[in-house]
Protein backbone atom coordinates (compact mmCIF):
# COMPACT_ATOMS: atom_id res chain seq x y z
CA UNK A 1 0.00 0.00 0.00
CA UNK A 2 1.20 3.51 -0.75
CA UNK A 3 1.70 5.48 2.46
CA UNK A 4 2.81 8.87 1.22
CA UNK A 5 5.14 10.18 -1.47
CA UNK A 6 7.10 6.98 -2.24
CA UNK A 7 7.80 6.43 -5.95
CA UNK A 8 5.85 9.57 -6.93
CA UNK A 9 7.54 11.86 -9.41
CA UNK A 10 7.90 15.56 -8.61
CA UNK A 11 5.81 16.49 -11.67
CA UNK A 12 2.96 14.32 -10.37
CA UNK A 13 3.12 15.98 -6.95
CA UNK A 14 3.06 19.43 -8.58
CA UNK A 15 0.05 18.39 -10.66
CA UNK A 16 -1.74 17.18 -7.51
CA UNK A 17 -1.07 20.53 -5.79
CA UNK A 18 -2.31 22.54 -8.80
CA UNK A 19 -5.37 20.29 -9.11
CA UNK A 20 -6.06 20.65 -5.39
CA UNK A 21 -5.88 24.44 -5.57
CA UNK A 22 -8.14 24.58 -8.65
CA UNK A 23 -10.57 22.10 -7.09
CA UNK A 24 -10.71 24.16 -3.89
CA UNK A 25 -11.50 27.31 -5.89
CA UNK A 26 -14.23 25.63 -7.95
CA UNK A 27 -15.72 23.91 -4.88
CA UNK A 28 -15.86 27.21 -3.02
CA UNK A 29 -17.76 28.94 -5.82
CA UNK A 30 -20.22 26.24 -6.96
CA UNK A 31 -18.95 22.75 -6.12
CA UNK A 32 -17.69 20.11 -8.54
CA UNK A 33 -14.01 20.31 -7.64
CA UNK A 34 -13.77 16.52 -7.53
CA UNK A 35 -13.95 16.61 -11.32
CA UNK A 36 -10.44 18.13 -11.22
CA UNK A 37 -8.98 16.56 -8.10
CA UNK A 38 -9.92 12.88 -8.40
CA UNK A 39 -8.41 12.33 -11.89
CA UNK A 40 -5.15 13.90 -10.64
CA UNK A 41 -5.03 11.45 -7.73
CA UNK A 42 -5.53 8.52 -10.09
CA UNK A 43 -2.17 9.44 -11.70
CA UNK A 44 -0.36 8.30 -8.53
CA UNK A 45 1.44 5.00 -9.33
CA UNK A 46 -0.26 1.98 -7.78
CA UNK A 47 -3.11 3.87 -6.14
CA UNK A 48 -6.33 1.90 -5.67
CA UNK A 49 -9.69 3.54 -6.54
CA UNK A 50 -10.84 3.40 -2.90
CA UNK A 51 -7.58 5.09 -1.81
CA UNK A 52 -8.14 7.83 -4.39
CA UNK A 53 -11.73 8.35 -3.20
CA UNK A 54 -10.75 8.45 0.48
CA UNK A 55 -7.76 10.76 -0.07
CA UNK A 56 -9.91 13.01 -2.26
CA UNK A 57 -12.40 13.35 0.61
CA UNK A 58 -9.62 14.18 3.04
CA UNK A 59 -8.24 16.93 0.82
CA UNK A 60 -11.71 18.26 0.10
CA UNK A 61 -12.73 18.64 3.73
CA UNK A 62 -9.88 21.13 4.30
CA UNK A 63 -11.10 23.22 1.37
CA UNK A 64 -14.80 23.09 2.24
CA UNK A 65 -14.05 23.98 5.88
CA UNK A 66 -11.99 26.99 4.79
CA UNK A 67 -14.55 28.23 2.26
CA UNK A 68 -17.42 27.62 4.73
CA UNK A 69 -15.65 29.78 7.34
CA UNK A 70 -14.93 32.48 4.75
CA UNK A 71 -18.54 32.53 3.56
CA UNK A 72 -19.80 32.62 7.15
CA UNK A 73 -17.75 35.72 7.96
CA UNK A 74 -18.80 37.57 4.81
CA UNK A 75 -22.29 36.30 3.87
CA UNK A 76 -23.63 35.26 7.31
CA UNK A 77 -25.75 32.30 6.07
CA UNK A 78 -28.64 31.22 8.31
CA UNK A 79 -27.18 28.45 10.50
CA UNK A 80 -30.66 27.46 11.71
CA UNK A 81 -31.15 25.97 8.25
CA UNK A 82 -27.57 24.98 7.40
CA UNK A 83 -26.65 23.09 10.60
CA UNK A 84 -29.60 20.62 10.72
CA UNK A 85 -29.20 20.10 6.99
CA UNK A 86 -25.49 19.37 7.49
CA UNK A 87 -26.11 16.89 10.33
CA UNK A 88 -28.61 14.92 8.23
CA UNK A 89 -26.26 15.09 5.23
CA UNK A 90 -23.37 13.69 7.31
CA UNK A 91 -25.46 10.65 8.26
CA UNK A 92 -26.59 10.23 4.65
CA UNK A 93 -23.01 10.41 3.39
CA UNK A 94 -21.86 7.74 5.85
CA UNK A 95 -24.68 5.48 4.66
CA UNK A 96 -23.82 6.12 1.02
CA UNK A 97 -20.12 5.40 1.57
CA UNK A 98 -20.92 2.11 3.31
CA UNK A 99 -22.98 1.06 0.28
CA UNK A 100 -20.47 2.32 -2.31
CA UNK A 101 -18.39 -0.85 -2.34
CA UNK A 102 -21.36 -3.06 -3.21
CA UNK A 103 -22.88 -1.19 -6.15
CA UNK A 104 -21.27 -0.43 -9.55
CA UNK A 105 -21.01 3.32 -10.22
CA UNK A 106 -21.88 2.64 -13.87
CA UNK A 107 -25.40 1.86 -12.72
CA UNK A 108 -25.96 5.48 -11.76
CA UNK A 109 -23.90 7.49 -14.23
CA UNK A 110 -26.52 7.67 -17.05
CA UNK A 111 -29.12 8.92 -14.54
CA UNK A 112 -26.69 11.55 -13.23
CA UNK A 113 -25.96 12.79 -16.77
CA UNK A 114 -29.69 13.23 -17.47
CA UNK A 115 -30.14 15.04 -14.15
CA UNK A 116 -27.20 17.38 -14.88
CA UNK A 117 -28.57 18.19 -18.35
CA UNK A 118 -31.92 19.07 -16.77
CA UNK A 119 -30.15 21.26 -14.17
CA UNK A 120 -28.15 23.05 -16.87
CA UNK A 121 -31.23 23.72 -19.01
CA UNK A 122 -33.21 24.95 -16.01
CA UNK A 123 -30.43 27.36 -15.00
CA UNK A 124 -29.73 28.58 -18.55
CA UNK A 125 -33.38 29.11 -19.53
CA UNK A 126 -34.34 30.90 -16.30
CA UNK A 127 -31.67 33.60 -15.88
CA UNK A 128 -33.62 35.37 -13.12
CA UNK A 129 -33.61 32.31 -10.86
CA UNK A 130 -31.10 32.66 -8.06
CA UNK A 131 -30.47 36.40 -8.47
CA UNK A 132 -32.23 37.25 -5.22
CA UNK A 133 -33.36 35.22 -2.22
CA UNK A 134 -37.13 34.65 -2.23
CA UNK A 135 -37.83 31.72 0.08
CA UNK A 136 -40.48 29.28 -1.17
CA UNK A 137 -41.36 27.73 2.21
CA UNK A 138 -41.93 28.98 5.73
CA UNK A 139 -41.82 27.52 9.20
CA UNK A 140 -41.49 23.78 9.67
CA UNK A 141 -41.83 23.03 5.95
CA UNK A 142 -38.70 25.09 5.23
CA UNK A 143 -36.61 22.92 7.58
CA UNK A 144 -38.19 19.66 6.40
CA UNK A 145 -37.33 20.46 2.77
CA UNK A 146 -33.78 21.50 3.77
CA UNK A 147 -33.21 18.25 5.68
CA UNK A 148 -34.60 16.15 2.83
CA UNK A 149 -32.17 17.83 0.44
CA UNK A 150 -29.33 17.20 2.91
CA UNK A 151 -30.24 13.52 3.32
CA UNK A 152 -30.59 12.74 -0.40
CA UNK A 153 -27.53 14.64 -1.60
CA UNK A 154 -25.45 13.50 1.39
CA UNK A 155 -26.25 9.87 0.53
CA UNK A 156 -25.36 10.57 -3.11
CA UNK A 157 -22.02 12.13 -2.11
CA UNK A 158 -21.02 9.12 -0.03
CA UNK A 159 -22.13 6.68 -2.73
CA UNK A 160 -20.84 8.34 -5.92
CA UNK A 161 -19.80 11.97 -5.40
CA UNK A 162 -19.32 13.87 -8.69
CA UNK A 163 -21.20 17.18 -8.71
CA UNK A 164 -22.38 17.06 -5.07
CA UNK A 165 -21.73 20.77 -4.48
CA UNK A 166 -23.46 21.68 -7.75
CA UNK A 167 -26.52 19.59 -6.86
CA UNK A 168 -26.64 21.23 -3.43
CA UNK A 169 -26.51 24.71 -4.94
CA UNK A 170 -29.24 24.10 -7.52
CA UNK A 171 -31.46 22.38 -4.93
CA UNK A 172 -31.13 25.33 -2.56
CA UNK A 173 -31.85 27.75 -5.40
CA UNK A 174 -34.74 25.92 -7.11
CA UNK A 175 -36.43 24.06 -4.24
CA UNK A 176 -35.89 26.61 -1.47
CA UNK A 177 -35.56 29.96 -3.25
CA UNK A 178 -32.09 31.10 -2.19
CA UNK A 179 -29.91 33.35 -4.34
CA UNK A 180 -26.87 31.64 -5.86
CA UNK A 181 -24.42 33.32 -3.48
CA UNK A 182 -26.33 32.40 -0.32
CA UNK A 183 -26.95 28.91 -1.69
CA UNK A 184 -23.20 28.47 -2.22
CA UNK A 185 -22.52 29.60 1.35
CA UNK A 186 -24.94 27.03 2.80
CA UNK A 187 -23.77 24.35 0.37
CA UNK A 188 -20.22 24.65 1.68
CA UNK A 189 -21.34 23.94 5.26
CA UNK A 190 -23.35 20.92 4.11
CA UNK A 191 -20.59 19.70 1.78
CA UNK A 192 -18.11 19.87 4.66
CA UNK A 193 -20.42 17.53 6.59
CA UNK A 194 -20.83 15.09 3.67
CA UNK A 195 -17.04 14.89 3.33
CA UNK A 196 -16.80 14.20 7.08
CA UNK A 197 -19.44 11.47 6.86
CA UNK A 198 -17.56 9.66 4.08
CA UNK A 199 -14.26 10.04 5.99
CA UNK A 200 -15.81 8.46 9.11
CA UNK A 201 -16.39 5.38 6.98
CA UNK A 202 -13.01 5.40 5.21
CA UNK A 203 -10.81 6.07 8.29
CA UNK A 204 -11.14 2.64 9.98
CA UNK A 205 -10.36 0.92 6.68
CA UNK A 206 -6.93 2.57 6.32
CA UNK A 207 -7.72 3.84 2.82
CA UNK A 208 -6.34 7.38 3.21
CA UNK A 209 -2.86 8.26 1.90
CA UNK A 210 -1.97 10.73 4.65
CA UNK A 211 1.01 12.45 3.06
CA UNK A 212 -0.79 13.12 -0.20
CA UNK A 213 -4.02 13.95 1.63
CA UNK A 214 -2.38 16.64 3.77
CA UNK A 215 -0.63 18.15 0.74
CA UNK A 216 -3.93 18.15 -1.13
CA UNK A 217 -5.67 19.64 1.90
CA UNK A 218 -3.24 22.58 2.04
CA UNK A 219 -3.77 23.30 -1.66
CA UNK A 220 -7.55 22.97 -1.20
CA UNK A 221 -7.51 25.43 1.69
CA UNK A 222 -5.75 28.07 -0.40
CA UNK A 223 -8.11 27.54 -3.34
CA UNK A 224 -11.19 27.46 -1.10
CA UNK A 225 -10.27 30.73 0.60
CA UNK A 226 -9.64 32.52 -2.69
CA UNK A 227 -12.74 31.03 -4.33
CA UNK A 228 -15.05 32.07 -1.50
CA UNK A 229 -13.68 35.61 -1.51
CA UNK A 230 -14.05 35.82 -5.30
CA UNK A 231 -17.67 34.61 -5.15
CA UNK A 232 -18.58 37.10 -2.43
CA UNK A 233 -16.99 39.99 -4.33
CA UNK A 234 -18.53 39.09 -7.70
CA UNK A 235 -22.02 38.10 -6.49
CA UNK A 236 -24.74 35.71 -7.63
CA UNK A 237 -24.45 36.41 -11.39
CA UNK A 238 -20.80 35.35 -11.35
CA UNK A 239 -21.62 32.22 -9.33
CA UNK A 240 -24.37 31.34 -11.84
CA UNK A 241 -21.96 31.56 -14.80
CA UNK A 242 -19.33 29.41 -13.07
CA UNK A 243 -22.08 26.98 -12.07
CA UNK A 244 -23.12 26.50 -15.71
CA UNK A 245 -19.49 25.97 -16.80
CA UNK A 246 -18.89 23.36 -14.09
CA UNK A 247 -22.16 21.53 -14.81
CA UNK A 248 -21.30 21.46 -18.53
CA UNK A 249 -17.89 19.97 -17.70
CA UNK A 250 -19.53 17.34 -15.48
CA UNK A 251 -21.94 16.42 -18.29
CA UNK A 252 -19.04 15.98 -20.74
CA UNK A 253 -16.94 13.95 -18.27
CA UNK A 254 -19.69 11.62 -17.07
CA UNK A 255 -21.18 11.35 -20.58
CA UNK A 256 -17.78 10.23 -21.86
CA UNK A 257 -17.53 7.66 -19.02
CA UNK A 258 -20.96 6.26 -19.92
CA UNK A 259 -19.97 6.03 -23.61
CA UNK A 260 -16.70 4.28 -22.80
CA UNK A 261 -18.33 1.79 -20.42
CA UNK A 262 -21.27 0.89 -22.67
CA UNK A 263 -20.39 1.54 -26.30
CA UNK A 264 -16.60 1.72 -26.80
């Protein structure tokens, strides 16, 4: 088993750091950084897929924690909604991670591609959605909907993962009525919890490559801090544009995977 940096070329380590920084920035703005970070980890010689997934989660939690703290200081998201949502999402992520080893990811990828296309069309064809916060639910229903979103997307993150932050953002915008910026702020708190839930499963199994994970975490922290500051300064319109770009990239990546697995 790989324990750290053994037999890894300097160019590969540099690529991992760059990927970690870029992933942290993208995750902080709209989510979807795993699209950049996970493929970079798979370049490590001899790494197993489960080691890549676990180490990816470790690096990501540093970035999401940093961006969540930055958003909290500058946007002041409502913790009465975000914290219960995060707790439910953590439990869902742990459940998803425990099931991940038993189900083939190829079973879900076509469904995810269709869902991402629908999300992209919805966002592109309704430019006014997410510009301003206009909550759709009040009282208990507001918290019930938030917790349902946390449970479903948390389970998805533990089970499969790609696009979790993007799904959180669009769910908070479309189902709850938040502006893109505030949705991103809440999504970071929830995403931090889903990463923690998956890590709670992976830790006892010894799947994390600690040296690489800490290096990735440092790069993620820097990217997450800069990304959160950029999003706050540029506002919801900027977040919406980046969201569409990331979702388009996810569609291309997962669509290519589906093609390779079923038709190539």
